[in-house]
C-alpha atoms as a PDB file:
ATOM      1  CA  MET A   1      11.810   3.886 -24.405  1.00  0.00           C
ATOM      2  CA  ILE A   2      10.947   3.702 -20.765  1.00  0.00           C
ATOM      3  CA  VAL A   3       8.859   6.527 -19.443  1.00  0.00           C
ATOM      4  CA  ALA A   4      10.230   8.374 -16.414  1.00  0.00           C
ATOM      5  CA  ILE A   5       9.278   6.329 -13.262  1.00  0.00           C
ATOM      6  CA  ASN A   6       7.943   8.599 -10.449  1.00  0.00           C
ATOM      7  CA  PHE A   7       5.814   7.535  -7.644  1.00  0.00           C
ATOM      8  CA  GLU A   8       3.926  10.609  -6.457  1.00  0.00           C
ATOM      9  CA  SER A   9       2.449   8.582  -3.661  1.00  0.00           C
ATOM     10  CA  LEU A  10       5.928   8.497  -1.885  1.00  0.00           C
ATOM     11  CA  HIS A  11       6.102  12.242  -1.942  1.00  0.00           C
ATOM     12  CA  LYS A  12       2.598  12.670  -0.657  1.00  0.00           C
ATOM     13  CA  PHE A  13       3.143  10.021   2.044  1.00  0.00           C
ATOM     14  CA  HIS A  14       6.296  11.816   3.399  1.00  0.00           C
ATOM     15  CA  ILE A  15       4.275  15.083   3.470  1.00  0.00           C
ATOM     16  CA  ALA A  16       1.571  13.349   5.374  1.00  0.00           C
ATOM     17  CA  LEU A  17       4.087  12.152   7.985  1.00  0.00           C
ATOM     18  CA  ARG A  18       4.738  15.763   8.817  1.00  0.00           C
ATOM     19  CA  GLU A  19       1.068  16.090   9.728  1.00  0.00           C
ATOM     20  CA  VAL A  20       1.429  13.286  12.193  1.00  0.00           C
ATOM     21  CA  ILE A  21       4.542  14.939  13.667  1.00  0.00           C
ATOM     22  CA  VAL A  22       2.492  18.111  14.172  1.00  0.00           C
ATOM     23  CA  LEU A  23       0.036  16.197  16.297  1.00  0.00           C
ATOM     24  CA  ILE A  24       2.705  14.621  18.400  1.00  0.00           C
ATOM     25  CA  ARG A  25       4.255  18.037  19.091  1.00  0.00           C
ATOM     26  CA  ARG A  26       0.855  19.405  19.983  1.00  0.00           C
ATOM     27  CA  SER A  27       0.322  16.388  22.316  1.00  0.00           C
ATOM     28  CA  LYS A  28       3.524  17.268  24.112  1.00  0.00           C
ATOM     29  CA  LYS A  29       2.502  20.857  24.554  1.00  0.00           C
ATOM     30  CA  GLU A  30      -0.970  20.158  25.717  1.00  0.00           C
ATOM     31  CA  GLU A  31      -0.001  17.451  28.219  1.00  0.00           C
ATOM     32  CA  VAL A  32       1.715  20.125  30.213  1.00  0.00           C
ATOM     33  CA  LYS A  33      -1.705  21.642  30.867  1.00  0.00           C
ATOM     34  CA  CYS A  34      -3.787  18.493  30.817  1.00  0.00           C
ATOM     35  CA  ARG A  35      -2.726  14.921  30.304  1.00  0.00           C
ATOM     36  CA  LEU A  36      -6.068  13.919  28.947  1.00  0.00           C
ATOM     37  CA  ILE A  37      -5.959  16.523  26.101  1.00  0.00           C
ATOM     38  CA  GLY A  38      -2.444  15.469  25.378  1.00  0.00           C
ATOM     39  CA  ASN A  39      -3.522  11.820  25.052  1.00  0.00           C
ATOM     40  CA  ILE A  40      -6.293  12.925  22.644  1.00  0.00           C
ATOM     41  CA  TYR A  41      -3.760  14.339  20.308  1.00  0.00           C
ATOM     42  CA  LEU A  42      -1.527  11.291  20.592  1.00  0.00           C
ATOM     43  CA  LYS A  43      -4.413   8.954  19.760  1.00  0.00           C
ATOM     44  CA  ALA A  44      -5.204  11.106  16.769  1.00  0.00           C
ATOM     45  CA  ALA A  45      -1.591  11.035  15.595  1.00  0.00           C
ATOM     46  CA  LEU A  46      -1.532   7.077  15.703  1.00  0.00           C
ATOM     47  CA  ILE A  47      -4.754   6.841  13.805  1.00  0.00           C
ATOM     48  CA  LEU A  48      -3.682   9.376  11.252  1.00  0.00           C
ATOM     49  CA  LEU A  49      -0.432   7.553  10.837  1.00  0.00           C
ATOM     50  CA  THR A  50      -2.085   4.169  10.074  1.00  0.00           C
ATOM     51  CA  SER A  51      -4.661   5.785   7.730  1.00  0.00           C
ATOM     52  CA  LYS A  52      -1.991   7.682   5.819  1.00  0.00           C
ATOM     53  CA  PHE A  53       0.175   4.462   5.499  1.00  0.00           C
ATOM     54  CA  GLU A  54      -2.728   2.399   4.152  1.00  0.00           C
ATOM     55  CA  ALA A  55      -3.641   5.158   1.727  1.00  0.00           C
ATOM     56  CA  PHE A  56      -0.014   5.242   0.537  1.00  0.00           C
ATOM     57  CA  LEU A  57      -0.058   1.471  -0.100  1.00  0.00           C
ATOM     58  CA  GLU A  58      -3.294   1.724  -2.071  1.00  0.00           C
ATOM     59  CA  ASN A  59      -1.917   4.598  -4.165  1.00  0.00           C
ATOM     60  CA  VAL A  60       1.245   2.653  -4.888  1.00  0.00           C
ATOM     61  CA  ILE A  61      -0.683  -0.214  -6.317  1.00  0.00           C
ATOM     62  CA  VAL A  62      -2.489   2.178  -8.712  1.00  0.00           C
ATOM     63  CA  GLU A  63       0.847   3.957  -9.697  1.00  0.00           C
ATOM     64  CA  TYR A  64       2.741   0.636 -10.240  1.00  0.00           C
ATOM     65  CA  THR A  65      -0.020  -0.725 -12.462  1.00  0.00           C
ATOM     66  CA  ALA A  66      -0.168   2.539 -14.491  1.00  0.00           C
ATOM     67  CA  LEU A  67       3.657   2.468 -14.919  1.00  0.00           C
ATOM     68  CA  LEU A  68       3.466  -1.085 -16.164  1.00  0.00           C
ATOM     69  CA  ASN A  69       0.869  -0.133 -18.695  1.00  0.00           C
ATOM     70  CA  ASP A  70       3.031   2.754 -19.883  1.00  0.00           C
ATOM     71  CA  ASN A  71       6.432   0.912 -19.982  1.00  0.00           C
ATOM     72  CA  VAL A  72       5.746  -2.684 -20.623  1.00  0.00           C
ATOM     73  CA  ALA A  73       4.343  -4.401 -23.726  1.00  0.00           C
ATOM     74  CA  VAL A  74       1.248  -6.365 -22.998  1.00  0.00           C
ATOM     75  CA  GLY A  75       2.975  -9.696 -23.717  1.00  0.00           C
ATOM     76  CA  PHE A  76       5.536  -9.071 -20.959  1.00  0.00           C
ATOM     77  CA  ILE A  77       3.159  -7.974 -18.116  1.00  0.00           C
ATOM     78  CA  PRO A  78       3.631 -10.618 -15.421  1.00  0.00           C
ATOM     79  CA  GLU A  79       1.016 -13.426 -15.627  1.00  0.00           C
ATOM     80  CA  ILE A  80      -0.021 -12.914 -12.023  1.00  0.00           C
ATOM     81  CA  ILE A  81      -1.180  -9.457 -12.707  1.00  0.00           C
ATOM     82  CA  LYS A  82      -3.123 -10.625 -15.700  1.00  0.00           C
ATOM     83  CA  ILE A  83      -4.763 -13.210 -13.521  1.00  0.00           C
ATOM     84  CA  HIS A  84      -5.823 -10.666 -10.947  1.00  0.00           C
ATOM     85  CA  HIS A  85      -7.092  -8.313 -13.620  1.00  0.00           C
ATOM     86  CA  THR A  86      -9.085 -11.104 -15.097  1.00  0.00           C
ATOM     87  CA  LYS A  87     -10.512 -12.098 -11.664  1.00  0.00           C
ATOM     88  CA  GLU A  88     -11.773  -8.592 -11.165  1.00  0.00           C
ATOM     89  CA  VAL A  89     -13.278  -8.355 -14.654  1.00  0.00           C
ATOM     90  CA  LEU A  90     -15.164 -11.669 -14.111  1.00  0.00           C
ATOM     91  CA  GLU A  91     -16.450 -10.663 -10.778  1.00  0.00           C
ATOM     92  CA  LYS A  92     -18.132  -7.697 -12.400  1.00  0.00           C
ATOM     93  CA  PHE A  93     -20.354 -10.224 -14.317  1.00  0.00           C
ATOM     94  CA  GLU A  94     -22.239 -11.029 -11.178  1.00  0.00           C
ATOM     95  CA  THR A  95     -23.300  -7.460 -10.857  1.00  0.00           C
ATOM     96  CA  CYS A  96     -24.020  -7.510 -14.583  1.00  0.00           C
ATOM     97  CA  PHE A  97     -26.450 -10.413 -14.201  1.00  0.00           C
ATOM     98  CA  LYS A  98     -28.214  -8.899 -11.298  1.00  0.00           C
ATOM     99  CA  LYS A  99     -28.495  -5.212 -12.058  1.00  0.00           C
ATOM    100  CA  ILE A 100     -27.874  -4.406 -15.724  1.00  0.00           C
ATOM    101  CA  TYR A 101     -30.811  -4.278 -18.046  1.00  0.00           C
ATOM    102  CA  GLU A 102     -31.230  -7.331 -20.225  1.00  0.00           C
ATOM    103  CA  GLU A 103     -30.510  -5.383 -23.479  1.00  0.00           C
ATOM    104  CA  ASP A 104     -27.179  -4.120 -22.073  1.00  0.00           C
ATOM    105  CA  LYS A 105     -25.910  -7.469 -20.745  1.00  0.00           C
ATOM    106  CA  ARG A 106     -24.849  -8.773 -24.146  1.00  0.00           C
ATOM    107  CA  LYS A 107     -22.826  -5.666 -24.853  1.00  0.00           C
ATOM    108  CA  PHE A 108     -21.163  -5.591 -21.493  1.00  0.00           C
ATOM    109  CA  ILE A 109     -20.274  -9.313 -21.572  1.00  0.00           C
ATOM    110  CA  SER A 110     -19.012  -9.302 -25.195  1.00  0.00           C
ATOM    111  CA  GLU A 111     -16.836  -6.219 -24.696  1.00  0.00           C
ATOM    112  CA  ASN A 112     -15.266  -7.483 -21.549  1.00  0.00           C
ATOM    113  CA  MET A 113     -14.713 -11.051 -22.874  1.00  0.00           C
ATOM    114  CA  ARG A 114     -13.090  -9.531 -26.030  1.00  0.00           C
ATOM    115  CA  ASP A 115     -10.761  -7.366 -24.055  1.00  0.00           C
ATOM    116  CA  LEU A 116      -9.712 -10.290 -21.890  1.00  0.00           C
ATOM    117  CA  ALA A 117      -9.079 -12.373 -25.086  1.00  0.00           C
ATOM    118  CA  LEU A 118      -6.868  -9.700 -26.439  1.00  0.00           C
ATOM    119  CA  LEU A 119      -4.986  -9.557 -23.121  1.00  0.00           C
ATOM    120  CA  TRP A 120      -4.282 -13.244 -22.989  1.00  0.00           C
ATOM    121  CA  LYS A 121      -3.288 -13.219 -26.712  1.00  0.00           C
ATOM    122  CA  SER A 122      -0.798 -10.386 -25.877  1.00  0.00           C
ATOM    123  CA  ASP A 123      -2.490  -8.316 -28.523  1.00  0.00           C
ATOM    124  CA  ILE A 124      -1.330  -4.694 -28.608  1.00  0.00           C
ATOM    125  CA  ASN A 125      -4.986  -3.633 -28.778  1.00  0.00           C
ATOM    126  CA  ALA A 126      -5.709  -4.988 -25.262  1.00  0.00           C
ATOM    127  CA  LYS A 127      -6.945  -2.390 -22.894  1.00  0.00           C
ATOM    128  CA  PRO A 128      -4.710  -1.316 -19.951  1.00  0.00           C
ATOM    129  CA  ILE A 129      -4.753  -3.661 -16.939  1.00  0.00           C
ATOM    130  CA  LYS A 130      -6.453  -2.582 -13.814  1.00  0.00           C
ATOM    131  CA  ILE A 131      -5.939  -3.995 -10.371  1.00  0.00           C
ATOM    132  CA  ASN A 132      -8.111  -3.488  -7.257  1.00  0.00           C
ATOM    133  CA  ASN A 133      -6.061  -1.317  -5.003  1.00  0.00           C
ATOM    134  CA  LYS A 134      -8.315  -1.433  -1.911  1.00  0.00           C
ATOM    135  CA  PHE A 135      -7.777  -3.310   1.283  1.00  0.00           C
ATOM    136  CA  ASN A 136     -10.498  -5.910   1.898  1.00  0.00           C
ATOM    137  CA  PHE A 137     -13.147  -4.366   4.137  1.00  0.00           C
ATOM    138  CA  GLY A 138     -12.228  -4.406   7.826  1.00  0.00           C
ATOM    139  CA  LYS A 139      -8.795  -6.138   7.077  1.00  0.00           C
ATOM    140  CA  HIS A 140      -5.562  -4.392   8.254  1.00  0.00           C
ATOM    141  CA  GLY A 141      -2.032  -5.410   9.251  1.00  0.00           C
ATOM    142  CA  GLU A 142       0.510  -7.851   7.895  1.00  0.00           C
ATOM    143  CA  LYS A 143      -1.776 -10.247   6.142  1.00  0.00           C
ATOM    144  CA  ALA A 144      -3.852  -7.551   4.443  1.00  0.00           C
ATOM    145  CA  ILE A 145      -0.783  -5.801   3.188  1.00  0.00           C
ATOM    146  CA  ASN A 146       0.758  -8.980   1.819  1.00  0.00           C
ATOM    147  CA  GLU A 147      -2.556  -9.904   0.179  1.00  0.00           C
ATOM    148  CA  LEU A 148      -2.752  -6.429  -1.426  1.00  0.00           C
ATOM    149  CA  PHE A 149       0.738  -6.816  -3.038  1.00  0.00           C
ATOM    150  CA  GLN A 150       0.147 -10.290  -4.159  1.00  0.00           C
ATOM    151  CA  ARG A 151      -2.151  -8.823  -6.699  1.00  0.00           C
ATOM    152  CA  ILE A 152       0.836  -7.182  -8.481  1.00  0.00           C
ATOM    153  CA  GLY A 153       3.164 -10.269  -8.051  1.00  0.00           C
ATOM    154  CA  PHE A 154       4.880  -9.748  -4.806  1.00  0.00           C
ATOM    155  CA  LYS A 155       4.096 -12.722  -2.504  1.00  0.00           C
ATOM    156  CA  ASN A 156       5.409 -11.521   0.852  1.00  0.00           C
ATOM    157  CA  ILE A 157       6.350  -7.912   0.452  1.00  0.00           C
ATOM    158  CA  LEU A 158       6.886  -7.300   4.152  1.00  0.00           C
ATOM    159  CA  ASP A 159       9.661 -10.045   4.074  1.00  0.00           C
ATOM    160  CA  GLU A 160      11.114  -8.741   0.847  1.00  0.00           C
ATOM    161  CA  VAL A 161      11.905  -5.297   2.208  1.00  0.00           C
ATOM    162  CA  VAL A 162      14.474  -5.203   5.029  1.00  0.00           C
ATOM    163  CA  ILE A 163      14.009  -2.479   7.688  1.00  0.00           C
ATOM    164  CA  VAL A 164      16.783  -1.517  10.164  1.00  0.00           C
ATOM    165  CA  LYS A 165      17.366   0.620  13.188  1.00  0.00           C
ATOM    166  CA  LYS A 166      20.560   2.202  14.367  1.00  0.00           C
ATOM    167  CA  VAL A 167      22.005   0.597  17.516  1.00  0.00           C
ATOM    168  CA  GLN A 168      25.018   1.469  19.634  1.00  0.00           C
ATOM    169  CA  THR A 169      27.793  -1.257  19.716  1.00  0.00           C
ATOM    170  CA  ILE A 170      31.338  -1.286  20.880  1.00  0.00           C
ATOM    171  CA  ASP A 171      32.349  -0.421  17.333  1.00  0.00           C
ATOM    172  CA  GLY A 172      29.938   2.528  17.086  1.00  0.00           C
ATOM    173  CA  MET A 173      26.505   2.860  15.556  1.00  0.00           C
ATOM    174  CA  GLU A 174      25.470  -0.045  13.376  1.00  0.00           C
ATOM    175  CA  ASP A 175      22.319  -1.256  11.583  1.00  0.00           C
ATOM    176  CA  GLU A 176      20.251  -3.861  13.168  1.00  0.00           C
ATOM    177  CA  ASN A 177      17.405  -5.655  11.347  1.00  0.00           C
ATOM    178  CA  ILE A 178      13.866  -5.192  12.926  1.00  0.00           C
ATOM    179  CA  ASP A 179      10.835  -7.408  12.772  1.00  0.00           C
ATOM    180  CA  PHE A 180       8.870  -5.030  10.521  1.00  0.00           C
ATOM    181  CA  LYS A 181       5.876  -7.284  10.409  1.00  0.00           C
ATOM    182  CA  ALA A 182       5.656  -7.234  14.126  1.00  0.00           C
ATOM    183  CA  LYS A 183       5.801  -3.485  14.122  1.00  0.00           C
ATOM    184  CA  VAL A 184       2.991  -3.310  11.492  1.00  0.00           C
ATOM    185  CA  ASN A 185       0.863  -5.586  13.559  1.00  0.00           C
ATOM    186  CA  GLU A 186       1.622  -3.619  16.755  1.00  0.00           C
ATOM    187  CA  LEU A 187       0.540  -0.438  15.092  1.00  0.00           C
ATOM    188  CA  THR A 188      -2.612  -2.048  13.696  1.00  0.00           C
ATOM    189  CA  TYR A 189      -3.475  -3.456  17.112  1.00  0.00           C
ATOM    190  CA  LYS A 190      -3.151  -0.080  18.798  1.00  0.00           C
ATOM    191  CA  ARG A 191      -5.139   1.564  16.108  1.00  0.00           C
ATOM    192  CA  ASN A 192      -8.036  -1.009  16.537  1.00  0.00           C
ATOM    193  CA  THR A 193      -8.059  -0.724  20.349  1.00  0.00           C
ATOM    194  CA  ILE A 194      -8.478   3.035  19.997  1.00  0.00           C
ATOM    195  CA  LEU A 195     -11.243   2.872  17.282  1.00  0.00           C
ATOM    196  CA  HIS A 196     -13.117  -0.182  18.627  1.00  0.00           C
ATOM    197  CA  ASN A 197     -12.544  -0.243  22.326  1.00  0.00           C
ATOM    198  CA  ASP A 198     -11.826   3.376  23.133  1.00  0.00           C
ATOM    199  CA  THR A 199      -8.921   2.234  25.385  1.00  0.00           C
ATOM    200  CA  SER A 200      -6.470   4.467  27.221  1.00  0.00           C
ATOM    201  CA  ILE A 201      -3.070   5.290  25.800  1.00  0.00           C
ATOM    202  CA  THR A 202      -0.822   2.220  25.562  1.00  0.00           C
ATOM    203  CA  PHE A 203       2.037   3.819  23.799  1.00  0.00           C
ATOM    204  CA  THR A 204       4.392   6.760  24.120  1.00  0.00           C
ATOM    205  CA  LYS A 205       5.334   9.639  21.754  1.00  0.00           C
ATOM    206  CA  GLU A 206       8.716   8.100  21.366  1.00  0.00           C
ATOM    207  CA  GLU A 207       7.063   4.841  20.066  1.00  0.00           C
ATOM    208  CA  ILE A 208       5.077   6.683  17.365  1.00  0.00           C
ATOM    209  CA  ILE A 209       8.183   8.471  16.299  1.00  0.00           C
ATOM    210  CA  ASP A 210       9.837   5.171  15.888  1.00  0.00           C
ATOM    211  CA  TYR A 211       6.839   3.879  13.844  1.00  0.00           C
ATOM    212  CA  ILE A 212       7.199   6.941  11.642  1.00  0.00           C
ATOM    213  CA  LYS A 213      10.846   6.208  11.035  1.00  0.00           C
ATOM    214  CA  TYR A 214      10.122   2.533  10.117  1.00  0.00           C
ATOM    215  CA  LEU A 215       7.273   3.341   7.844  1.00  0.00           C
ATOM    216  CA  LYS A 216       9.140   6.125   6.043  1.00  0.00           C
ATOM    217  CA  GLN A 217      12.159   3.766   5.557  1.00  0.00           C
ATOM    218  CA  PHE A 218       9.823   1.045   4.314  1.00  0.00           C
ATOM    219  CA  SER A 219       8.093   3.406   1.915  1.00  0.00           C
ATOM    220  CA  GLN A 220      11.349   4.409   0.223  1.00  0.00           C
ATOM    221  CA  LYS A 221      12.670   0.956   0.007  1.00  0.00           C
ATOM    222  CA  LEU A 222       9.350  -0.273  -1.366  1.00  0.00           C
ATOM    223  CA  ILE A 223       9.328   2.283  -4.142  1.00  0.00           C
ATOM    224  CA  ASP A 224      12.949   1.436  -4.962  1.00  0.00           C
ATOM    225  CA  LYS A 225      12.000  -2.207  -5.275  1.00  0.00           C
ATOM    226  CA  LEU A 226       9.037  -1.444  -7.463  1.00  0.00           C
ATOM    227  CA  THR A 227      10.987   0.906  -9.720  1.00  0.00           C
ATOM    228  CA  LYS A 228      13.676  -1.763 -10.245  1.00  0.00           C
ATOM    229  CA  SER A 229      10.932  -4.298 -10.992  1.00  0.00           C
ATOM    230  CA  ILE A 230       9.478  -2.078 -13.758  1.00  0.00           C
ATOM    231  CA  GLU A 231      12.931  -1.380 -15.209  1.00  0.00           C
ATOM    232  CA  ASN A 232      13.785  -5.120 -15.174  1.00  0.00           C
ATOM    233  CA  ILE A 233      10.546  -6.079 -16.963  1.00  0.00           C
ATOM    234  CA  SER A 234      10.772  -3.218 -19.471  1.00  0.00           C
ATOM    235  CA  THR A 235      14.206  -4.411 -20.604  1.00  0.00           C
ATOM    236  CA  LEU A 236      12.615  -7.603 -21.728  1.00  0.00           C
ATOM    237  CA  THR A 237      10.319  -5.878 -24.277  1.00  0.00           C
END
């Protein structure tokens, strides 16, 4: 029977977005007295937003993997996930050869090779899979996010989740698709210019609020997609 699927990371991310809004409001309040101070809060809001979003994505990888382990028999875990799990185990061998004492290397290698053999034989005694949930050092934006989710079997996650905004038409308010990848890259670029170049503000409070809306919408649709994926795989077992 399938275990209740609950992504705590989604709840935590939505709470974190409130923190960003607090900084935006403080920026608006402070700029009445001093534009420089107002801009400092606005910069902080954008950096916090990007940091919380990336933390959310990393936490999602952990939760998705844990939910697969809890709900899906080892023989039905997608092969791409087994491959990335295996890659990460084998990469540990390099550290083993360089740093582990000689008498411990045999045990380390034999245990890990045995566990991988059980995994690929779809043996019920195989250890739970683990996937590296961290962004590659210094990498951000569209390519880094897609690479992160490729590890759990989603090739182009930013294309697979459709984000919309409300626009006024002659027939009333309607949904219009946005280029979410472009928005992610815009946000990343602005973050980098603040952190690495210490540039002046190149965005408005309204733009950050729009980013918040897009990221919140993406987070919910992403979790819906991952939940459906687990449910579909679990029905095969």
